[in-house]
Amino acid sequence: MNDEALKKAKELLILIESLNTALHQVKYVAQDFNELGIEYCVVGGVALSPHNYMRYTEDIDILVAKKDITKLEILIGSGYTYRPGSKKNMYYHTGAKSKIQIDILYEGDNKDGFVMPRPKNIRQKISGIWYINLPKLIEMKLITARAGDTQDVLQLIDYNDLDADYVENLAAKCHKLFLSLLR
């Protein structure tokens, strides 16, 4: 099997595995957030998919505007529960024994050096769901630099055919690192 066929087979397996996971369930969660008028955007692993790179992830990371934090309470009891001891991590129940973890990030939170901006300033609507836009997703992953983040950026560069000119879309503090990742 050549490299391209192997790559396509791997992508198909990831898609099949994700049918009842975060990648599949995000549309239902987004629908609930939209109905309540919550200003949000999906960030993290699930946000890679609409930017041409799909990988398995077990949770949904959602950035919420400060002004809408109290609206999250409305979701509790209607398919959502808080994780024990937490008001920032929820579960979305997809069936009698199945649930998806939702990690809520608030505007102003500092995630490993990346200060979360207001969702409406960094999002784009794709298939009815608000996702972090590609430049901010790349910035977030470059700044947080957690395990796997660099690999995600490399894949985003590859799958979106990004070159050195793309650096103009990023914050200045990300330029050097982004350019160092170009192949």
N, C-alpha and C. Protein backbone atom coordinates (compact mmCIF):
# COMPACT_ATOMS: atom_id res chain seq x y z
N MET A 1 0.86 -1.17 0.00
CA MET A 1 0.00 0.00 0.00
C MET A 1 0.90 1.23 0.00
N ASN A 2 0.68 2.16 -0.94
CA ASN A 2 1.52 3.35 -1.00
C ASN A 2 1.14 4.34 0.10
N ASP A 3 1.95 5.36 0.27
CA ASP A 3 1.75 6.32 1.36
C ASP A 3 0.41 7.04 1.28
N GLU A 4 0.01 7.42 0.07
CA GLU A 4 -1.25 8.14 -0.10
C GLU A 4 -2.44 7.24 0.25
N ALA A 5 -2.42 6.00 -0.18
CA ALA A 5 -3.50 5.05 0.13
C ALA A 5 -3.55 4.77 1.62
N LEU A 6 -2.38 4.65 2.24
CA LEU A 6 -2.31 4.43 3.68
C LEU A 6 -2.89 5.62 4.44
N LYS A 7 -2.57 6.81 3.98
CA LYS A 7 -3.08 8.04 4.59
C LYS A 7 -4.60 8.08 4.51
N LYS A 8 -5.16 7.76 3.35
CA LYS A 8 -6.61 7.76 3.16
C LYS A 8 -7.29 6.69 4.01
N ALA A 9 -6.68 5.51 4.10
CA ALA A 9 -7.24 4.44 4.93
C ALA A 9 -7.26 4.84 6.39
N LYS A 10 -6.20 5.49 6.84
CA LYS A 10 -6.12 5.96 8.22
C LYS A 10 -7.20 7.00 8.50
N GLU A 11 -7.40 7.92 7.57
CA GLU A 11 -8.45 8.93 7.73
C GLU A 11 -9.83 8.29 7.81
N LEU A 12 -10.07 7.29 7.00
CA LEU A 12 -11.35 6.60 7.01
C LEU A 12 -11.58 5.88 8.34
N LEU A 13 -10.56 5.23 8.86
CA LEU A 13 -10.68 4.56 10.16
C LEU A 13 -10.99 5.55 11.27
N ILE A 14 -10.34 6.69 11.25
CA ILE A 14 -10.60 7.72 12.25
C ILE A 14 -12.06 8.17 12.16
N LEU A 15 -12.53 8.38 10.96
CA LEU A 15 -13.91 8.80 10.77
C LEU A 15 -14.89 7.76 11.29
N ILE A 16 -14.66 6.50 10.98
CA ILE A 16 -15.53 5.42 11.45
C ILE A 16 -15.53 5.35 12.97
N GLU A 17 -14.36 5.44 13.59
CA GLU A 17 -14.26 5.38 15.05
C GLU A 17 -14.97 6.55 15.71
N SER A 18 -15.07 7.67 15.02
CA SER A 18 -15.60 8.88 15.63
C SER A 18 -17.11 9.03 15.50
N LEU A 19 -17.79 8.07 14.89
CA LEU A 19 -19.21 8.25 14.62
C LEU A 19 -20.05 8.52 15.86
N ASN A 20 -19.70 7.99 17.00
CA ASN A 20 -20.46 8.28 18.22
C ASN A 20 -19.57 8.96 19.25
N THR A 21 -18.65 9.76 18.78
CA THR A 21 -17.75 10.46 19.67
C THR A 21 -17.93 11.95 19.50
N ALA A 22 -16.97 12.69 20.03
CA ALA A 22 -17.03 14.14 20.03
C ALA A 22 -17.21 14.72 18.63
N LEU A 23 -16.54 14.16 17.64
CA LEU A 23 -16.66 14.70 16.28
C LEU A 23 -18.08 14.60 15.75
N HIS A 24 -18.78 13.58 16.16
CA HIS A 24 -20.16 13.40 15.71
C HIS A 24 -21.14 14.19 16.58
N GLN A 25 -20.90 14.23 17.87
CA GLN A 25 -21.85 14.83 18.81
C GLN A 25 -21.79 16.35 18.87
N VAL A 26 -20.73 16.95 18.36
CA VAL A 26 -20.58 18.40 18.46
C VAL A 26 -21.76 19.14 17.83
N LYS A 27 -22.36 18.58 16.80
CA LYS A 27 -23.48 19.27 16.15
C LYS A 27 -24.68 19.40 17.08
N TYR A 28 -24.89 18.40 17.93
CA TYR A 28 -26.01 18.47 18.87
C TYR A 28 -25.74 19.47 19.99
N VAL A 29 -24.52 19.47 20.46
CA VAL A 29 -24.12 20.43 21.50
C VAL A 29 -24.21 21.85 20.94
N ALA A 30 -23.70 22.07 19.74
CA ALA A 30 -23.75 23.40 19.12
C ALA A 30 -25.19 23.86 18.93
N GLN A 31 -26.06 22.96 18.55
CA GLN A 31 -27.47 23.30 18.37
C GLN A 31 -28.06 23.82 19.68
N ASP A 32 -27.75 23.14 20.79
CA ASP A 32 -28.25 23.59 22.09
C ASP A 32 -27.69 24.96 22.46
N PHE A 33 -26.40 25.18 22.22
CA PHE A 33 -25.78 26.47 22.52
C PHE A 33 -26.40 27.56 21.64
N ASN A 34 -26.61 27.27 20.36
CA ASN A 34 -27.21 28.24 19.45
C ASN A 34 -28.62 28.61 19.88
N GLU A 35 -29.41 27.61 20.28
CA GLU A 35 -30.80 27.86 20.70
C GLU A 35 -30.86 28.75 21.93
N LEU A 36 -29.87 28.65 22.81
CA LEU A 36 -29.84 29.48 24.02
C LEU A 36 -29.18 30.83 23.79
N GLY A 37 -28.68 31.06 22.59
CA GLY A 37 -28.02 32.33 22.30
C GLY A 37 -26.68 32.48 23.00
N ILE A 38 -26.01 31.36 23.26
CA ILE A 38 -24.70 31.40 23.91
C ILE A 38 -23.65 31.72 22.85
N GLU A 39 -22.86 32.75 23.13
CA GLU A 39 -21.75 33.10 22.24
C GLU A 39 -20.61 32.12 22.53
N TYR A 40 -20.26 31.32 21.55
CA TYR A 40 -19.28 30.25 21.75
C TYR A 40 -18.47 30.03 20.49
N CYS A 41 -17.43 29.25 20.62
CA CYS A 41 -16.78 28.63 19.47
C CYS A 41 -16.08 27.37 19.94
N VAL A 42 -16.12 26.38 19.08
CA VAL A 42 -15.47 25.10 19.35
C VAL A 42 -13.98 25.27 19.10
N VAL A 43 -13.17 24.85 20.06
CA VAL A 43 -11.71 24.93 19.96
C VAL A 43 -11.15 23.54 20.22
N GLY A 44 -9.85 23.37 20.18
CA GLY A 44 -9.25 22.08 20.51
C GLY A 44 -9.34 21.08 19.37
N GLY A 45 -9.28 19.80 19.72
CA GLY A 45 -9.21 18.73 18.74
C GLY A 45 -10.38 18.66 17.77
N VAL A 46 -11.58 18.92 18.25
CA VAL A 46 -12.76 18.87 17.37
C VAL A 46 -12.68 19.98 16.32
N ALA A 47 -12.05 21.10 16.66
CA ALA A 47 -11.96 22.24 15.74
C ALA A 47 -11.00 21.98 14.58
N LEU A 48 -10.22 20.93 14.65
CA LEU A 48 -9.31 20.60 13.55
C LEU A 48 -10.07 20.14 12.31
N SER A 49 -11.14 19.40 12.52
CA SER A 49 -11.87 18.77 11.42
C SER A 49 -12.36 19.75 10.35
N PRO A 50 -13.02 20.86 10.70
CA PRO A 50 -13.46 21.76 9.63
C PRO A 50 -12.30 22.49 8.93
N HIS A 51 -11.11 22.34 9.48
CA HIS A 51 -9.92 22.93 8.86
C HIS A 51 -9.08 21.84 8.18
N ASN A 52 -9.78 20.82 7.70
CA ASN A 52 -9.21 19.78 6.83
C ASN A 52 -8.32 18.75 7.51
N TYR A 53 -8.30 18.69 8.81
CA TYR A 53 -7.50 17.66 9.49
C TYR A 53 -8.37 17.02 10.57
N MET A 54 -8.70 15.76 10.37
CA MET A 54 -9.54 15.05 11.32
C MET A 54 -8.69 14.06 12.10
N ARG A 55 -8.83 14.13 13.41
CA ARG A 55 -8.20 13.13 14.26
C ARG A 55 -9.15 12.82 15.40
N TYR A 56 -8.92 11.68 16.01
CA TYR A 56 -9.77 11.25 17.12
C TYR A 56 -9.55 12.15 18.33
N THR A 57 -10.63 12.48 18.99
CA THR A 57 -10.56 13.19 20.26
C THR A 57 -11.72 12.73 21.12
N GLU A 58 -11.52 12.70 22.40
CA GLU A 58 -12.55 12.18 23.31
C GLU A 58 -13.46 13.25 23.89
N ASP A 59 -13.07 14.52 23.76
CA ASP A 59 -13.88 15.57 24.38
C ASP A 59 -14.13 16.70 23.40
N ILE A 60 -15.00 17.61 23.82
CA ILE A 60 -15.30 18.81 23.05
C ILE A 60 -14.88 19.99 23.91
N ASP A 61 -13.98 20.81 23.39
CA ASP A 61 -13.56 22.03 24.08
C ASP A 61 -14.34 23.19 23.49
N ILE A 62 -15.02 23.95 24.35
CA ILE A 62 -15.84 25.06 23.88
C ILE A 62 -15.49 26.32 24.66
N LEU A 63 -15.18 27.37 23.91
CA LEU A 63 -14.92 28.69 24.48
C LEU A 63 -16.24 29.45 24.54
N VAL A 64 -16.55 29.99 25.73
CA VAL A 64 -17.81 30.69 25.96
C VAL A 64 -17.51 32.13 26.40
N ALA A 65 -18.30 33.08 25.89
CA ALA A 65 -18.16 34.48 26.29
C ALA A 65 -18.53 34.64 27.76
N LYS A 66 -17.84 35.54 28.45
CA LYS A 66 -18.12 35.80 29.86
C LYS A 66 -19.59 36.11 30.10
N LYS A 67 -20.17 36.89 29.21
CA LYS A 67 -21.55 37.33 29.39
C LYS A 67 -22.57 36.18 29.37
N ASP A 68 -22.15 35.03 28.86
CA ASP A 68 -23.09 33.91 28.71
C ASP A 68 -22.82 32.74 29.66
N ILE A 69 -21.92 32.91 30.59
CA ILE A 69 -21.57 31.82 31.51
C ILE A 69 -22.80 31.31 32.26
N THR A 70 -23.65 32.22 32.71
CA THR A 70 -24.82 31.80 33.49
C THR A 70 -25.83 31.01 32.66
N LYS A 71 -25.82 31.20 31.35
CA LYS A 71 -26.75 30.45 30.48
C LYS A 71 -26.45 28.96 30.47
N LEU A 72 -25.22 28.59 30.82
CA LEU A 72 -24.87 27.17 30.84
C LEU A 72 -25.71 26.40 31.85
N GLU A 73 -26.12 27.07 32.92
CA GLU A 73 -26.94 26.43 33.96
C GLU A 73 -28.24 25.88 33.38
N ILE A 74 -28.76 26.52 32.35
CA ILE A 74 -30.02 26.09 31.74
C ILE A 74 -29.89 24.69 31.14
N LEU A 75 -28.68 24.34 30.71
CA LEU A 75 -28.46 23.03 30.09
C LEU A 75 -28.49 21.88 31.09
N ILE A 76 -28.16 22.18 32.35
CA ILE A 76 -28.09 21.13 33.36
C ILE A 76 -29.48 20.52 33.56
N GLY A 77 -29.53 19.23 33.46
CA GLY A 77 -30.79 18.51 33.62
C GLY A 77 -31.49 18.21 32.30
N SER A 78 -31.03 18.84 31.22
CA SER A 78 -31.65 18.57 29.91
C SER A 78 -30.63 17.91 28.98
N GLY A 79 -30.05 16.82 29.49
CA GLY A 79 -29.06 16.09 28.71
C GLY A 79 -27.63 16.42 29.10
N TYR A 80 -27.46 17.37 30.00
CA TYR A 80 -26.12 17.78 30.45
C TYR A 80 -26.02 17.65 31.96
N THR A 81 -24.84 17.30 32.42
CA THR A 81 -24.54 17.30 33.86
C THR A 81 -23.14 17.86 34.03
N TYR A 82 -22.89 18.41 35.22
CA TYR A 82 -21.53 18.83 35.53
C TYR A 82 -20.72 17.62 35.95
N ARG A 83 -19.43 17.64 35.64
CA ARG A 83 -18.56 16.61 36.19
C ARG A 83 -18.47 16.87 37.68
N PRO A 84 -18.41 15.82 38.49
CA PRO A 84 -18.35 16.00 39.94
C PRO A 84 -17.24 16.98 40.34
N GLY A 85 -17.62 17.97 41.15
CA GLY A 85 -16.66 18.94 41.67
C GLY A 85 -16.25 20.02 40.69
N SER A 86 -16.96 20.15 39.58
CA SER A 86 -16.55 21.12 38.56
C SER A 86 -17.74 21.88 38.01
N LYS A 87 -17.55 23.16 37.77
CA LYS A 87 -18.56 23.97 37.08
C LYS A 87 -18.05 24.37 35.70
N LYS A 88 -16.90 23.83 35.30
CA LYS A 88 -16.33 24.15 33.99
C LYS A 88 -16.28 22.93 33.08
N ASN A 89 -16.58 21.79 33.61
CA ASN A 89 -16.54 20.57 32.81
C ASN A 89 -17.88 19.87 32.91
N MET A 90 -18.43 19.57 31.76
CA MET A 90 -19.77 18.99 31.70
C MET A 90 -19.72 17.67 30.94
N TYR A 91 -20.81 16.97 31.05
CA TYR A 91 -21.03 15.81 30.21
C TYR A 91 -22.29 16.06 29.39
N TYR A 92 -22.24 15.67 28.13
CA TYR A 92 -23.42 15.65 27.29
C TYR A 92 -23.78 14.18 27.14
N HIS A 93 -24.96 13.82 27.60
CA HIS A 93 -25.37 12.42 27.60
C HIS A 93 -25.99 12.05 26.25
N THR A 94 -25.36 11.08 25.59
CA THR A 94 -25.78 10.68 24.25
C THR A 94 -26.63 9.43 24.25
N GLY A 95 -26.85 8.87 25.40
CA GLY A 95 -27.65 7.66 25.52
C GLY A 95 -27.65 7.22 26.97
N ALA A 96 -28.27 6.08 27.25
CA ALA A 96 -28.41 5.61 28.62
C ALA A 96 -27.06 5.44 29.31
N LYS A 97 -26.05 4.96 28.61
CA LYS A 97 -24.76 4.70 29.23
C LYS A 97 -23.62 5.45 28.56
N SER A 98 -23.94 6.34 27.67
CA SER A 98 -22.90 7.01 26.89
C SER A 98 -22.92 8.51 27.14
N LYS A 99 -21.73 9.10 27.25
CA LYS A 99 -21.65 10.54 27.45
C LYS A 99 -20.34 11.05 26.85
N ILE A 100 -20.34 12.31 26.47
CA ILE A 100 -19.18 12.98 25.92
C ILE A 100 -18.78 14.09 26.88
N GLN A 101 -17.50 14.17 27.17
CA GLN A 101 -17.00 15.22 28.06
C GLN A 101 -16.91 16.54 27.29
N ILE A 102 -17.39 17.61 27.91
CA ILE A 102 -17.28 18.95 27.36
C ILE A 102 -16.45 19.78 28.33
N ASP A 103 -15.35 20.32 27.85
CA ASP A 103 -14.52 21.21 28.66
C ASP A 103 -14.86 22.64 28.26
N ILE A 104 -15.34 23.41 29.23
CA ILE A 104 -15.73 24.79 28.98
C ILE A 104 -14.56 25.70 29.31
N LEU A 105 -14.20 26.53 28.36
CA LEU A 105 -13.18 27.56 28.56
C LEU A 105 -13.90 28.90 28.51
N TYR A 106 -13.52 29.80 29.39
CA TYR A 106 -14.17 31.10 29.42
C TYR A 106 -13.27 32.17 28.83
N GLU A 107 -13.89 33.12 28.19
CA GLU A 107 -13.19 34.30 27.69
C GLU A 107 -12.33 34.85 28.84
N GLY A 108 -11.06 35.08 28.58
CA GLY A 108 -10.14 35.59 29.60
C GLY A 108 -9.32 34.51 30.28
N ASP A 109 -9.74 33.24 30.16
CA ASP A 109 -8.95 32.14 30.73
C ASP A 109 -7.57 32.12 30.09
N ASN A 110 -6.58 31.73 30.86
CA ASN A 110 -5.22 31.56 30.34
C ASN A 110 -4.96 30.06 30.24
N LYS A 111 -4.88 29.58 29.01
CA LYS A 111 -4.63 28.16 28.77
C LYS A 111 -3.19 27.99 28.31
N ASP A 112 -2.32 27.65 29.23
CA ASP A 112 -0.91 27.41 28.92
C ASP A 112 -0.28 28.57 28.15
N GLY A 113 -0.62 29.80 28.54
CA GLY A 113 -0.02 30.98 27.91
C GLY A 113 -0.87 31.62 26.83
N PHE A 114 -1.94 30.97 26.41
CA PHE A 114 -2.84 31.54 25.41
C PHE A 114 -4.06 32.08 26.14
N VAL A 115 -4.24 33.41 26.13
CA VAL A 115 -5.39 34.03 26.80
C VAL A 115 -6.58 33.95 25.84
N MET A 116 -7.64 33.32 26.32
CA MET A 116 -8.81 33.09 25.49
C MET A 116 -9.53 34.41 25.19
N PRO A 117 -9.63 34.76 23.92
CA PRO A 117 -10.33 35.99 23.54
C PRO A 117 -11.84 35.77 23.51
N ARG A 118 -12.57 36.83 23.23
CA ARG A 118 -14.02 36.71 23.10
C ARG A 118 -14.31 35.85 21.86
N PRO A 119 -15.19 34.87 21.99
CA PRO A 119 -15.45 33.95 20.88
C PRO A 119 -15.80 34.64 19.56
N LYS A 120 -16.63 35.67 19.60
CA LYS A 120 -17.08 36.29 18.35
C LYS A 120 -15.93 36.91 17.56
N ASN A 121 -14.80 37.16 18.21
CA ASN A 121 -13.66 37.78 17.54
C ASN A 121 -12.75 36.78 16.83
N ILE A 122 -12.96 35.49 17.06
CA ILE A 122 -12.04 34.49 16.50
C ILE A 122 -12.75 33.32 15.82
N ARG A 123 -14.02 33.46 15.56
CA ARG A 123 -14.77 32.31 15.07
C ARG A 123 -15.27 32.48 13.65
N GLN A 124 -15.61 31.34 13.07
CA GLN A 124 -16.26 31.31 11.77
C GLN A 124 -17.29 30.19 11.80
N LYS A 125 -18.41 30.41 11.11
CA LYS A 125 -19.49 29.43 11.10
C LYS A 125 -19.29 28.46 9.94
N ILE A 126 -19.25 27.19 10.29
CA ILE A 126 -19.09 26.12 9.31
C ILE A 126 -20.17 25.08 9.58
N SER A 127 -21.03 24.86 8.61
CA SER A 127 -22.13 23.89 8.74
C SER A 127 -22.98 24.14 9.98
N GLY A 128 -23.24 25.41 10.28
CA GLY A 128 -24.10 25.78 11.40
C GLY A 128 -23.44 25.76 12.76
N ILE A 129 -22.15 25.49 12.81
CA ILE A 129 -21.41 25.41 14.08
C ILE A 129 -20.33 26.48 14.07
N TRP A 130 -20.19 27.18 15.20
CA TRP A 130 -19.13 28.18 15.34
C TRP A 130 -17.83 27.49 15.77
N TYR A 131 -16.82 27.58 14.92
CA TYR A 131 -15.49 27.03 15.20
C TYR A 131 -14.47 28.16 15.26
N ILE A 132 -13.39 27.94 16.00
CA ILE A 132 -12.28 28.87 15.99
C ILE A 132 -11.74 28.93 14.56
N ASN A 133 -11.37 30.13 14.10
CA ASN A 133 -10.84 30.24 12.74
C ASN A 133 -9.43 29.65 12.68
N LEU A 134 -8.98 29.35 11.48
CA LEU A 134 -7.70 28.67 11.30
C LEU A 134 -6.51 29.45 11.87
N PRO A 135 -6.37 30.75 11.62
CA PRO A 135 -5.21 31.45 12.20
C PRO A 135 -5.17 31.38 13.73
N LYS A 136 -6.31 31.57 14.38
CA LYS A 136 -6.33 31.54 15.86
C LYS A 136 -6.12 30.12 16.38
N LEU A 137 -6.60 29.12 15.66
CA LEU A 137 -6.37 27.73 16.06
C LEU A 137 -4.87 27.42 16.02
N ILE A 138 -4.22 27.85 14.95
CA ILE A 138 -2.77 27.64 14.84
C ILE A 138 -2.04 28.39 15.94
N GLU A 139 -2.41 29.65 16.18
CA GLU A 139 -1.78 30.43 17.26
C GLU A 139 -1.94 29.73 18.60
N MET A 140 -3.17 29.30 18.90
CA MET A 140 -3.43 28.64 20.18
C MET A 140 -2.54 27.41 20.35
N LYS A 141 -2.44 26.62 19.31
CA LYS A 141 -1.64 25.39 19.40
C LYS A 141 -0.15 25.69 19.46
N LEU A 142 0.31 26.73 18.78
CA LEU A 142 1.73 27.11 18.86
C LEU A 142 2.09 27.64 20.24
N ILE A 143 1.20 28.44 20.82
CA ILE A 143 1.48 29.05 22.13
C ILE A 143 1.37 28.03 23.26
N THR A 144 0.33 27.20 23.24
CA THR A 144 0.17 26.24 24.34
C THR A 144 1.21 25.14 24.27
N ALA A 145 1.57 24.73 23.07
CA ALA A 145 2.66 23.76 22.84
C ALA A 145 2.58 22.52 23.73
N ARG A 146 1.37 22.02 23.94
CA ARG A 146 1.23 20.79 24.70
C ARG A 146 1.53 19.60 23.81
N ALA A 147 1.59 18.43 24.41
CA ALA A 147 1.85 17.21 23.63
C ALA A 147 0.84 17.11 22.50
N GLY A 148 1.30 16.94 21.32
CA GLY A 148 0.43 16.79 20.16
C GLY A 148 0.10 18.09 19.44
N ASP A 149 0.26 19.24 20.10
CA ASP A 149 -0.08 20.51 19.46
C ASP A 149 0.79 20.80 18.24
N THR A 150 2.09 20.54 18.37
CA THR A 150 2.99 20.78 17.24
C THR A 150 2.62 19.87 16.07
N GLN A 151 2.30 18.62 16.37
CA GLN A 151 1.87 17.68 15.32
C GLN A 151 0.59 18.17 14.66
N ASP A 152 -0.34 18.69 15.45
CA ASP A 152 -1.57 19.24 14.87
C ASP A 152 -1.26 20.38 13.91
N VAL A 153 -0.36 21.28 14.31
CA VAL A 153 0.00 22.40 13.43
C VAL A 153 0.66 21.90 12.15
N LEU A 154 1.54 20.92 12.29
CA LEU A 154 2.18 20.35 11.09
C LEU A 154 1.13 19.79 10.13
N GLN A 155 0.14 19.10 10.68
CA GLN A 155 -0.92 18.53 9.84
C GLN A 155 -1.78 19.64 9.22
N LEU A 156 -2.07 20.69 9.98
CA LEU A 156 -2.85 21.80 9.44
C LEU A 156 -2.09 22.48 8.30
N ILE A 157 -0.79 22.64 8.47
CA ILE A 157 0.05 23.22 7.41
C ILE A 157 -0.04 22.35 6.16
N ASP A 158 0.11 21.05 6.35
CA ASP A 158 0.10 20.11 5.23
C ASP A 158 -1.26 20.05 4.54
N TYR A 159 -2.32 19.83 5.30
CA TYR A 159 -3.65 19.65 4.73
C TYR A 159 -4.25 20.92 4.14
N ASN A 160 -3.73 22.08 4.55
CA ASN A 160 -4.23 23.35 4.03
C ASN A 160 -3.26 24.03 3.07
N ASP A 161 -2.17 23.31 2.73
CA ASP A 161 -1.16 23.84 1.80
C ASP A 161 -0.68 25.23 2.21
N LEU A 162 -0.37 25.40 3.49
CA LEU A 162 0.09 26.70 3.98
C LEU A 162 1.57 26.86 3.69
N ASP A 163 1.97 28.08 3.38
CA ASP A 163 3.38 28.35 3.12
C ASP A 163 3.82 29.54 3.97
N ALA A 164 5.01 30.04 3.71
CA ALA A 164 5.59 31.12 4.51
C ALA A 164 4.72 32.38 4.48
N ASP A 165 4.01 32.61 3.41
CA ASP A 165 3.14 33.79 3.33
C ASP A 165 2.02 33.77 4.37
N TYR A 166 1.64 32.59 4.81
CA TYR A 166 0.53 32.47 5.77
C TYR A 166 0.87 33.12 7.12
N VAL A 167 2.14 33.28 7.39
CA VAL A 167 2.58 33.85 8.67
C VAL A 167 1.95 35.23 8.91
N GLU A 168 1.59 35.93 7.84
CA GLU A 168 0.98 37.26 7.96
C GLU A 168 -0.39 37.20 8.63
N ASN A 169 -1.01 36.03 8.67
CA ASN A 169 -2.31 35.86 9.33
C ASN A 169 -2.18 35.62 10.83
N LEU A 170 -0.97 35.43 11.31
CA LEU A 170 -0.73 35.06 12.70
C LEU A 170 -0.17 36.23 13.50
N ALA A 171 -0.35 36.15 14.82
CA ALA A 171 0.25 37.14 15.72
C ALA A 171 1.77 37.08 15.59
N ALA A 172 2.41 38.22 15.73
CA ALA A 172 3.87 38.32 15.55
C ALA A 172 4.63 37.33 16.42
N LYS A 173 4.13 37.07 17.64
CA LYS A 173 4.85 36.17 18.54
C LYS A 173 4.86 34.72 18.04
N CYS A 174 4.05 34.41 17.02
CA CYS A 174 3.99 33.05 16.47
C CYS A 174 4.78 32.90 15.17
N HIS A 175 5.25 33.99 14.61
CA HIS A 175 5.90 33.94 13.29
C HIS A 175 7.09 32.99 13.25
N LYS A 176 8.02 33.16 14.16
CA LYS A 176 9.26 32.37 14.12
C LYS A 176 8.97 30.87 14.25
N LEU A 177 8.12 30.51 15.20
CA LEU A 177 7.81 29.10 15.40
C LEU A 177 7.07 28.51 14.20
N PHE A 178 6.12 29.25 13.66
CA PHE A 178 5.39 28.77 12.48
C PHE A 178 6.35 28.52 11.32
N LEU A 179 7.22 29.48 11.06
CA LEU A 179 8.17 29.34 9.95
C LEU A 179 9.11 28.16 10.16
N SER A 180 9.45 27.88 11.42
CA SER A 180 10.35 26.76 11.70
C SER A 180 9.70 25.40 11.41
N LEU A 181 8.37 25.37 11.35
CA LEU A 181 7.65 24.12 11.11
C LEU A 181 7.41 23.83 9.63
N LEU A 182 7.65 24.81 8.78
CA LEU A 182 7.46 24.59 7.35
C LEU A 182 8.49 23.61 6.83
N ARG A 183 8.05 22.70 5.98
CA ARG A 183 8.95 21.67 5.46
C ARG A 183 9.57 22.09 4.16
